[in-house]
Amino acid sequence: MGEAVGVIGLGVMGAPMARNLLRAGHEVTVHSRSQGPVQRLVEEGAAAAATPGELAGRADVIVAMLPGEQVTAALLDGDEGLWAGARAGSILVDMGTASPGWARSLAELGAERGVAVLDAPVSGGDAGAQQGTLSIMAGGEAADVQRARPVLEALGTVTHVGEHGAGQTVKLCNQLVVGGTIALVSEALVLAAQAGVDPAQVIEVLSGGLAANRVMELRGRNFLEHDFEPGGKASFQHRDLGMALDAGRELGVPLPVTAVVDQLYVALVAAGGGELDHSALITVLERLAGRG
């Protein structure tokens, strides 16, 4: 039998991650504000917890896949919160994207309660969550990463990148590259379309050369069909770029390209596209080119 694992947050990423943990033989308890995903996972063999505290009390490893620091913080405290139920010696793995400072603060709060904390954000999007091929960047104590490894390896490939907060720093680096790549692919496709060249052929040709990238591989259809059902929401991409810019200011590192890409996402979110997939950035470029 595998580890007793609690998964809190069953959205686009969390639900398939919980499913992969079940397939790997772990004893999985789930909790979410939305009951639909909970019920589906219960039908597949998971147990349901009515509160975050109940979930934490059943788990050796708690996986939190939540959309940001405020949501996570709201589930920690109180009589029914995670901290109230968490057992000393357990591990809380925060797999959502947050600031490095938040990760360090969370680790300190956990230490006060005898709970090890890892910041372990992921890259790979909804496809990686479904296929169990996420890239997991873990920050925290090496021994705690090793203890959590059997759980995390059911979700993808784990790399211990350093101390508390390092995982979130690497994730912000990932997000500025993803955002910049989406912007450049968008520019290329709009330029091609304006010149009368089939954008599908552009993706095919570029994918075989030095310009090949995972954004075109995983989001090529989205660009071409304008299907922006969210895998990674534009509002989250904008949030992450903002955190990257904050980190750059704090560390004295100029991020001029990231600043421009962030402003493009500002335009997308302001136009009502925050809930769309981050590949919807192409619509901003199309409007600027008079094609919207």
Protein backbone atom coordinates (compact mmCIF):
# COMPACT_ATOMS: atom_id res chain seq x y z
CA MET A 1 0.00 0.00 0.00
CA GLY A 2 1.25 3.48 -0.81
CA GLU A 3 1.28 6.60 1.30
CA ALA A 4 -1.80 8.19 2.86
CA VAL A 5 -2.13 11.31 0.72
CA GLY A 6 -4.54 14.22 1.01
CA VAL A 7 -5.22 16.33 -2.06
CA ILE A 8 -6.87 19.70 -1.58
CA GLY A 9 -7.92 21.66 -4.66
CA LEU A 10 -9.47 19.65 -7.51
CA GLY A 11 -9.43 22.03 -10.44
CA VAL A 12 -7.96 21.55 -13.91
CA MET A 13 -4.67 20.41 -12.37
CA GLY A 14 -5.60 18.96 -8.98
CA ALA A 15 -8.24 16.45 -10.09
CA PRO A 16 -6.04 14.55 -12.59
CA MET A 17 -3.16 14.68 -10.11
CA ALA A 18 -5.37 12.99 -7.49
CA ARG A 19 -6.38 10.42 -10.10
CA ASN A 20 -2.73 9.62 -10.85
CA LEU A 21 -2.04 9.15 -7.14
CA LEU A 22 -4.89 6.64 -6.97
CA ARG A 23 -3.50 4.77 -9.97
CA ALA A 24 -0.11 4.62 -8.28
CA GLY A 25 -1.68 2.80 -5.33
CA HIS A 26 -1.76 5.59 -2.78
CA GLU A 27 -4.56 5.95 -0.25
CA VAL A 28 -6.07 9.27 -1.35
CA THR A 29 -8.40 11.62 0.53
CA VAL A 30 -9.72 14.68 -1.32
CA HIS A 31 -11.34 18.00 -0.46
CA SER A 32 -12.55 20.84 -2.67
CA ARG A 33 -15.08 23.65 -2.61
CA SER A 34 -16.64 22.10 -5.74
CA GLN A 35 -18.35 18.81 -4.97
CA GLY A 36 -18.49 17.49 -8.55
CA PRO A 37 -14.79 16.57 -8.74
CA VAL A 38 -14.92 15.17 -5.20
CA GLN A 39 -17.78 12.83 -6.10
CA ARG A 40 -16.10 11.64 -9.29
CA LEU A 41 -12.90 10.81 -7.43
CA VAL A 42 -14.82 9.04 -4.66
CA GLU A 43 -16.38 6.85 -7.36
CA GLU A 44 -12.83 6.00 -8.50
CA GLY A 45 -11.66 5.00 -5.03
CA ALA A 46 -10.77 8.17 -3.12
CA ALA A 47 -12.21 9.14 0.26
CA ALA A 48 -13.83 12.54 0.82
CA ALA A 49 -13.01 14.92 3.68
CA ALA A 50 -15.58 17.50 4.73
CA THR A 51 -12.95 20.02 5.88
CA PRO A 52 -9.28 20.79 5.27
CA GLY A 53 -8.55 19.76 8.85
CA GLU A 54 -10.19 16.38 8.41
CA LEU A 55 -8.14 15.80 5.26
CA ALA A 56 -4.91 16.76 7.02
CA GLY A 57 -5.67 14.42 9.90
CA ARG A 58 -5.79 11.44 7.55
CA ALA A 59 -2.67 12.23 5.52
CA ASP A 60 1.05 11.65 5.83
CA VAL A 61 1.57 13.86 2.76
CA ILE A 62 -0.81 16.76 2.02
CA VAL A 63 -0.79 18.00 -1.57
CA ALA A 64 -2.25 21.50 -1.99
CA MET A 65 -3.00 22.52 -5.57
CA LEU A 66 -4.66 25.89 -5.02
CA PRO A 67 -4.89 29.09 -7.08
CA GLY A 68 -2.72 31.46 -5.10
CA GLU A 69 -1.60 32.50 -1.66
CA GLN A 70 -4.89 33.99 -0.45
CA VAL A 71 -6.86 30.82 -1.15
CA THR A 72 -4.21 28.69 0.54
CA ALA A 73 -4.02 30.99 3.57
CA ALA A 74 -7.81 30.86 4.02
CA LEU A 75 -7.68 27.07 4.37
CA LEU A 76 -4.88 26.95 6.94
CA ASP A 77 -6.31 28.49 10.09
CA GLY A 78 -9.42 27.99 12.20
CA ASP A 79 -10.97 24.99 13.91
CA GLU A 80 -11.48 23.22 10.57
CA GLY A 81 -8.25 24.41 8.89
CA LEU A 82 -5.29 22.38 7.74
CA TRP A 83 -3.13 23.33 10.70
CA ALA A 84 -5.80 22.16 13.16
CA GLY A 85 -5.79 18.66 11.71
CA ALA A 86 -2.22 18.24 10.48
CA ARG A 87 -0.24 15.58 12.30
CA ALA A 88 3.28 16.24 13.56
CA GLY A 89 5.71 14.58 11.19
CA SER A 90 3.50 15.00 8.14
CA ILE A 91 4.51 16.93 5.01
CA LEU A 92 2.59 19.75 3.36
CA VAL A 93 3.50 20.10 -0.32
CA ASP A 94 2.35 23.43 -1.75
CA MET A 95 2.17 22.80 -5.52
CA GLY A 96 0.45 26.01 -6.58
CA THR A 97 2.36 29.05 -7.76
CA ALA A 98 3.21 31.64 -5.11
CA SER A 99 5.97 34.09 -4.23
CA PRO A 100 9.25 32.81 -2.78
CA GLY A 101 8.61 34.90 0.34
CA TRP A 102 5.26 33.19 0.89
CA ALA A 103 6.95 29.79 0.57
CA ARG A 104 9.49 30.67 3.23
CA SER A 105 6.77 31.98 5.57
CA LEU A 106 4.69 28.84 5.08
CA ALA A 107 7.70 26.69 5.94
CA GLU A 108 8.19 28.64 9.17
CA LEU A 109 4.53 28.19 10.13
CA GLY A 110 4.79 24.48 9.45
CA ALA A 111 7.94 24.13 11.53
CA GLU A 112 6.14 25.66 14.52
CA ARG A 113 3.64 22.80 14.26
CA GLY A 114 6.04 19.97 13.52
CA VAL A 115 4.91 19.83 9.87
CA ALA A 116 7.52 19.82 7.10
CA VAL A 117 6.67 22.09 4.18
CA LEU A 118 7.86 21.93 0.58
CA ASP A 119 7.20 24.47 -2.15
CA ALA A 120 6.86 22.29 -5.24
CA PRO A 121 5.18 24.17 -8.09
CA VAL A 122 4.82 22.45 -11.43
CA SER A 123 5.16 23.01 -15.15
CA GLY A 124 3.46 21.03 -17.88
CA GLY A 125 -0.09 22.34 -17.75
CA ASP A 126 -3.26 20.32 -17.82
CA ALA A 127 -1.77 17.80 -20.26
CA GLY A 128 1.13 17.11 -17.91
CA ALA A 129 -1.25 16.74 -14.97
CA GLN A 130 -3.36 14.23 -16.88
CA GLN A 131 -0.42 12.21 -18.17
CA GLY A 132 1.62 12.29 -14.95
CA THR A 133 4.50 14.03 -16.72
CA LEU A 134 4.70 17.30 -14.78
CA SER A 135 8.05 18.93 -14.12
CA ILE A 136 8.12 19.44 -10.35
CA MET A 137 10.57 21.97 -8.89
CA ALA A 138 10.90 21.36 -5.16
CA GLY A 139 12.24 23.75 -2.55
CA GLY A 140 12.90 22.71 1.03
CA GLU A 141 14.96 20.28 3.07
CA ALA A 142 16.53 17.48 1.04
CA ALA A 143 15.35 14.84 3.51
CA ASP A 144 11.75 16.04 3.21
CA VAL A 145 11.93 15.99 -0.58
CA GLN A 146 13.18 12.42 -0.37
CA ARG A 147 10.31 11.44 1.95
CA ALA A 148 7.75 12.98 -0.40
CA ARG A 149 9.37 11.60 -3.56
CA PRO A 150 7.21 8.40 -3.83
CA VAL A 151 4.13 10.62 -3.92
CA LEU A 152 5.52 13.29 -6.21
CA GLU A 153 6.90 10.78 -8.71
CA ALA A 154 3.34 9.63 -9.39
CA LEU A 155 2.77 13.13 -10.74
CA GLY A 156 5.93 13.74 -12.76
CA THR A 157 9.68 14.28 -12.55
CA VAL A 158 10.98 15.81 -9.32
CA THR A 159 14.01 18.08 -9.10
CA HIS A 160 15.18 19.42 -5.75
CA VAL A 161 16.26 22.95 -6.66
CA GLY A 162 17.28 24.31 -3.27
CA GLU A 163 16.04 25.66 0.04
CA HIS A 164 12.56 26.91 0.92
CA GLY A 165 11.40 29.38 -1.73
CA ALA A 166 13.72 28.04 -4.43
CA GLY A 167 10.95 26.01 -6.01
CA GLN A 168 8.82 29.11 -6.42
CA THR A 169 11.77 31.09 -7.80
CA VAL A 170 12.34 28.45 -10.48
CA LYS A 171 8.60 28.43 -11.26
CA LEU A 172 8.67 32.20 -11.81
CA CYS A 173 11.61 31.71 -14.17
CA ASN A 174 9.53 29.09 -15.98
CA GLN A 175 6.55 31.42 -16.22
CA LEU A 176 8.43 34.34 -17.70
CA VAL A 177 9.84 32.02 -20.39
CA VAL A 178 6.38 30.55 -21.08
CA GLY A 179 4.77 33.98 -21.26
CA GLY A 180 7.49 35.32 -23.52
CA THR A 181 7.27 32.30 -25.81
CA ILE A 182 3.50 32.62 -26.10
CA ALA A 183 3.93 36.28 -27.04
CA LEU A 184 6.55 35.53 -29.71
CA VAL A 185 4.61 32.63 -31.20
CA SER A 186 1.57 34.89 -31.31
CA GLU A 187 3.54 37.60 -33.10
CA ALA A 188 4.88 35.09 -35.63
CA LEU A 189 1.44 33.68 -36.42
CA VAL A 190 -0.16 37.10 -36.79
CA LEU A 191 2.68 38.26 -39.05
CA ALA A 192 2.29 35.16 -41.20
CA ALA A 193 -1.49 35.54 -41.45
CA GLN A 194 -1.16 39.22 -42.39
CA ALA A 195 1.25 38.21 -45.16
CA GLY A 196 -1.17 35.57 -46.48
CA VAL A 197 0.76 32.57 -45.19
CA ASP A 198 -1.12 29.71 -43.53
CA PRO A 199 -0.32 29.83 -39.78
CA ALA A 200 -0.66 26.03 -39.59
CA GLN A 201 2.24 25.70 -42.01
CA VAL A 202 4.25 28.15 -39.91
CA ILE A 203 3.82 25.98 -36.84
CA GLU A 204 4.71 22.85 -38.81
CA VAL A 205 7.88 24.36 -40.25
CA LEU A 206 9.05 26.07 -37.07
CA SER A 207 8.47 22.90 -35.06
CA GLY A 208 11.16 21.16 -37.09
CA GLY A 209 13.86 23.76 -36.56
CA LEU A 210 15.67 25.80 -33.94
CA ALA A 211 12.47 27.69 -33.07
CA ALA A 212 10.69 24.50 -31.94
CA ASN A 213 9.18 24.84 -28.48
CA ARG A 214 6.70 23.17 -26.13
CA VAL A 215 4.27 26.08 -26.40
CA MET A 216 3.69 25.31 -30.08
CA GLU A 217 3.57 21.59 -29.34
CA LEU A 218 0.97 21.85 -26.58
CA ARG A 219 -0.92 24.99 -27.63
CA GLY A 220 -0.58 24.97 -31.42
CA ARG A 221 -4.18 23.84 -31.90
CA ASN A 222 -5.40 26.54 -29.51
CA PHE A 223 -3.68 29.26 -31.54
CA LEU A 224 -4.97 27.93 -34.87
CA GLU A 225 -8.55 27.12 -33.84
CA HIS A 226 -8.92 29.95 -31.32
CA ASP A 227 -10.02 27.37 -28.78
CA PHE A 228 -9.13 29.01 -25.49
CA GLU A 229 -10.68 26.57 -23.04
CA PRO A 230 -8.30 27.12 -20.15
CA GLY A 231 -5.46 24.79 -19.36
CA GLY A 232 -3.52 27.65 -17.79
CA LYS A 233 -5.63 30.77 -17.27
CA ALA A 234 -4.47 34.10 -18.65
CA SER A 235 -5.18 35.73 -15.27
CA PHE A 236 -2.80 33.27 -13.60
CA GLN A 237 -0.12 33.96 -16.20
CA HIS A 238 -0.50 37.69 -15.54
CA ARG A 239 -0.29 37.09 -11.78
CA ASP A 240 2.87 35.01 -12.19
CA LEU A 241 4.58 37.59 -14.39
CA GLY A 242 3.79 40.20 -11.75
CA MET A 243 5.48 38.07 -9.09
CA ALA A 244 8.49 37.60 -11.37
CA LEU A 245 8.75 41.36 -11.83
CA ASP A 246 8.48 41.85 -8.07
CA ALA A 247 11.31 39.36 -7.55
CA GLY A 248 13.39 41.16 -10.15
CA ARG A 249 12.92 44.49 -8.39
CA GLU A 250 13.76 42.94 -5.01
CA LEU A 251 16.95 41.36 -6.35
CA GLY A 252 17.98 44.22 -8.64
CA VAL A 253 17.55 42.16 -11.83
CA PRO A 254 16.10 43.99 -14.85
CA LEU A 255 13.41 42.02 -16.69
CA PRO A 256 12.51 44.30 -19.61
CA VAL A 257 11.04 41.64 -21.91
CA THR A 258 8.92 40.24 -19.09
CA ALA A 259 7.59 43.73 -18.40
CA VAL A 260 6.40 44.12 -22.00
CA VAL A 261 4.79 40.66 -22.03
CA ASP A 262 3.09 41.44 -18.73
CA GLN A 263 1.52 44.56 -20.28
CA LEU A 264 0.14 42.45 -23.13
CA TYR A 265 -1.49 40.23 -20.52
CA VAL A 266 -2.83 43.33 -18.79
CA ALA A 267 -4.58 44.15 -22.07
CA LEU A 268 -5.97 40.62 -22.39
CA VAL A 269 -7.30 40.53 -18.85
CA ALA A 270 -8.73 44.07 -19.13
CA ALA A 271 -10.58 43.00 -22.29
CA GLY A 272 -12.32 40.25 -20.34
CA GLY A 273 -9.99 37.39 -21.28
CA GLY A 274 -8.68 36.52 -17.82
CA GLU A 275 -10.55 33.21 -17.65
CA LEU A 276 -9.33 32.12 -21.09
CA ASP A 277 -6.25 30.00 -21.73
CA HIS A 278 -3.01 31.99 -21.70
CA SER A 279 -2.61 31.26 -25.43
CA ALA A 280 -5.50 33.73 -25.95
CA LEU A 281 -2.75 36.38 -25.90
CA ILE A 282 -2.73 35.99 -29.69
CA THR A 283 -6.05 37.89 -29.78
CA VAL A 284 -4.32 40.98 -28.35
CA LEU A 285 -1.72 40.86 -31.14
CA GLU A 286 -4.44 40.33 -33.72
CA ARG A 287 -6.32 43.40 -32.51
CA LEU A 288 -3.13 45.48 -32.61
CA ALA A 289 -2.65 44.35 -36.21
CA GLY A 290 -6.24 45.23 -37.11
CA ARG A 291 -7.25 41.59 -37.44
CA GLY A 292 -9.44 41.38 -34.31
